[in-house]
Protein backbone atom coordinates (compact mmCIF):
# COMPACT_ATOMS: atom_id res chain seq x y z
CA MET A 1 206.27 79.69 101.65
CA THR A 2 202.49 79.42 101.71
CA GLU A 3 200.80 76.67 99.73
CA SER A 4 199.19 79.17 97.35
CA LEU A 5 202.56 80.83 96.62
CA ARG A 6 204.12 77.40 96.10
CA GLU A 7 201.30 76.58 93.69
CA THR A 8 201.86 79.83 91.76
CA VAL A 9 205.59 79.18 91.45
CA HIS A 10 204.83 75.63 90.25
CA LYS A 11 202.40 76.97 87.62
CA GLN A 12 204.94 79.52 86.37
CA HIS A 13 207.60 76.80 86.25
CA ASN A 14 205.29 74.61 84.14
CA ALA A 15 204.31 77.53 81.87
CA LEU A 16 207.96 78.31 81.14
CA ARG A 17 208.77 74.64 80.50
CA THR A 18 205.81 74.44 78.10
CA LEU A 19 206.88 77.65 76.32
CA LEU A 20 210.41 76.35 75.74
CA HIS A 21 209.61 72.73 74.93
CA ALA A 22 208.99 73.18 71.17
CA PRO A 23 212.10 75.29 70.41
CA LEU A 24 214.37 72.94 72.37
CA ARG A 25 212.80 69.83 70.83
CA SER A 26 213.45 71.35 67.38
CA ILE A 27 217.09 72.06 68.25
CA ALA A 28 217.47 68.52 69.63
CA SER A 29 216.07 67.00 66.43
CA HIS A 30 218.72 68.84 64.40
CA ALA A 31 221.51 68.18 66.92
CA VAL A 32 221.03 64.41 66.89
CA ARG A 33 222.21 64.31 63.26
CA VAL A 34 225.57 65.92 64.14
CA TRP A 35 225.92 64.89 67.80
CA PHE A 36 229.37 63.32 67.42
CA ASN A 37 230.89 66.20 65.44
CA ARG A 38 231.58 69.19 67.67
CA GLU A 39 232.12 71.71 64.88
CA ARG A 40 228.84 70.80 63.17
CA LEU A 41 227.02 70.70 66.52
CA ASP A 42 228.30 74.21 67.25
CA VAL A 43 226.90 75.37 63.89
CA VAL A 44 223.47 73.86 64.65
CA LEU A 45 223.41 75.53 68.08
CA SER A 46 224.68 78.84 66.72
CA GLU A 47 221.99 78.95 64.04
CA ALA A 48 219.35 78.02 66.62
CA MET A 49 220.49 80.79 68.94
CA GLY A 50 219.46 83.41 66.39
CA GLU A 51 216.10 81.81 65.63
CA CYS A 52 215.20 80.75 69.13
CA PHE A 53 213.86 82.25 72.32
CA GLN A 54 215.87 84.79 74.27
CA CYS A 55 218.58 82.75 76.00
CA ASP A 56 221.99 83.82 77.22
CA LEU A 57 223.80 80.59 76.45
CA LEU A 58 223.14 77.41 74.47
CA TYR A 59 225.22 74.20 74.75
CA ALA A 60 225.08 70.40 74.59
CA ILE A 61 225.86 67.90 77.36
CA ASP A 62 226.27 64.13 77.14
CA THR A 63 224.63 61.73 79.59
CA ASP A 64 227.78 61.68 81.76
CA GLY A 65 227.59 65.45 82.25
CA ARG A 66 230.42 66.36 79.86
CA GLN A 67 229.93 69.33 77.58
CA VAL A 68 230.09 68.14 73.95
CA SER A 69 229.77 71.55 72.31
CA SER A 70 231.22 74.99 72.72
CA ASN A 71 229.34 77.63 74.73
CA ILE A 72 227.17 79.40 72.16
CA HIS A 73 226.40 83.01 72.98
CA GLU A 74 224.32 85.37 70.85
CA ARG A 75 227.36 86.94 69.22
CA SER A 76 230.20 84.53 69.99
CA ILE A 77 231.28 80.92 70.36
CA ASP A 78 233.54 79.87 73.25
CA PRO A 79 235.29 76.58 72.36
CA GLY A 80 237.19 76.61 75.67
CA SER A 81 234.18 75.16 77.44
CA TYR A 82 234.16 71.95 75.36
CA GLY A 83 234.78 68.85 77.46
CA GLN A 84 234.19 70.45 80.83
CA ASP A 85 232.56 68.33 83.53
CA LEU A 86 229.14 69.79 84.35
CA SER A 87 227.89 66.79 86.31
CA LEU A 88 227.77 68.66 89.63
CA ARG A 89 226.01 71.76 88.32
CA PRO A 90 222.57 72.44 89.86
CA TYR A 91 220.65 71.60 86.69
CA LEU A 92 222.23 68.14 86.44
CA VAL A 93 222.15 67.33 90.16
CA THR A 94 218.39 68.02 90.35
CA MET A 95 217.58 66.36 87.02
CA PRO A 96 215.46 63.20 86.97
CA LEU A 97 217.14 60.04 85.71
CA PRO A 98 218.00 60.34 82.01
CA GLY A 99 215.90 57.28 81.13
CA ASN A 100 212.80 58.88 82.64
CA VAL A 101 209.99 59.28 80.09
CA ALA A 102 209.61 62.87 81.26
CA PHE A 103 212.75 63.54 79.25
CA GLN A 104 210.75 63.56 76.07
CA GLY A 105 209.96 67.13 77.12
CA ALA A 106 211.90 70.00 78.63
CA PHE A 107 213.31 69.97 82.17
CA LEU A 108 213.62 73.25 84.04
CA CYS A 109 215.83 73.60 87.12
CA GLU A 110 215.51 76.01 90.01
CA VAL A 111 217.20 79.44 89.84
CA TYR A 112 220.94 79.42 90.63
CA THR A 113 223.92 81.72 89.99
CA SER A 114 225.58 81.13 86.61
CA GLN A 115 229.33 80.51 86.65
CA VAL A 116 229.55 82.14 83.20
CA SER A 117 227.55 85.36 83.73
CA ARG A 118 227.56 85.52 87.56
CA CYS A 119 223.86 86.43 87.29
CA PRO A 120 220.70 84.55 88.32
CA CYS A 121 220.12 81.75 85.86
CA VAL A 122 217.58 79.09 84.96
CA THR A 123 218.71 76.19 82.79
CA VAL A 124 216.18 74.45 80.59
CA MET A 125 217.22 71.09 79.16
CA CYS A 126 215.76 68.82 76.54
CA GLY A 127 216.85 65.28 75.75
CA VAL A 128 218.61 64.44 72.50
CA THR A 129 217.51 60.93 71.58
CA SER A 130 218.28 58.49 68.80
CA GLY A 131 215.53 55.91 68.91
CA PRO A 132 215.33 54.66 72.50
CA THR A 133 218.83 55.92 73.33
CA THR A 134 219.39 59.24 75.09
CA LEU A 135 222.62 60.75 73.74
CA GLY A 136 222.55 63.83 75.93
CA PHE A 137 220.81 67.15 76.34
CA ILE A 138 220.50 70.56 74.79
CA ALA A 139 220.83 73.13 77.56
CA ALA A 140 219.71 76.75 77.42
CA ASP A 141 220.62 79.23 80.16
CA LEU A 142 218.19 82.09 80.68
CA ASN A 143 218.30 85.07 82.99
CA PRO A 144 214.97 85.05 84.89
CA HIS A 145 214.87 88.86 84.71
CA HIS A 146 214.74 88.70 80.90
CA LEU A 147 211.90 86.19 80.64
CA PRO A 148 208.56 87.18 79.15
CA PRO A 149 205.69 87.57 81.63
CA LEU A 150 203.96 84.23 82.13
CA GLN A 151 200.24 83.80 82.63
CA THR A 152 199.30 82.30 85.98
CA ALA A 153 195.98 81.49 87.54
CA ARG A 154 196.53 83.85 90.49
CA PRO A 155 196.20 87.62 90.28
CA THR A 156 199.27 89.62 91.27
CA SER A 157 197.42 91.22 94.21
CA GLN A 158 196.74 87.75 95.64
CA LEU A 159 200.37 86.75 95.16
CA ALA A 160 201.48 89.90 97.02
CA ALA A 161 199.08 89.05 99.86
CA ASP A 162 200.56 85.55 100.06
CA LEU A 163 204.02 87.02 100.53
CA ARG A 164 202.98 89.07 103.57
């Protein structure tokens, strides 16, 4: 990958993280109040799903990588996913240390194949904190093909030339 293409991908990555930071931070601020009650946490996530950006799946994970909510889809809730160990999933393996100050914002992983949808997926995560303590993370899975176009500093024709 050329340096200019790498730079463009990095800029798009940052633009998407910036776009999703506010909605996830809002969800996290509501989730912290009900973090230890799965049913109430599911309600918070379900309500956020309808008001939030276009994501395929919304869920909560504790700092050990255990899912502490159901899988929340646009039209359904899957309680069977509660308690599953997600610690080896790509978005947790590549995540910076939970105590990192960068976790006051959103963290975006690289594209991988979702085990739920079997489609390309990007997971965006935002820390759920109570004072200085990180309780866990709100995670949103998005299909990269359904994302809105992001503004980058490089024209498409230049990006195409970089790929040649």
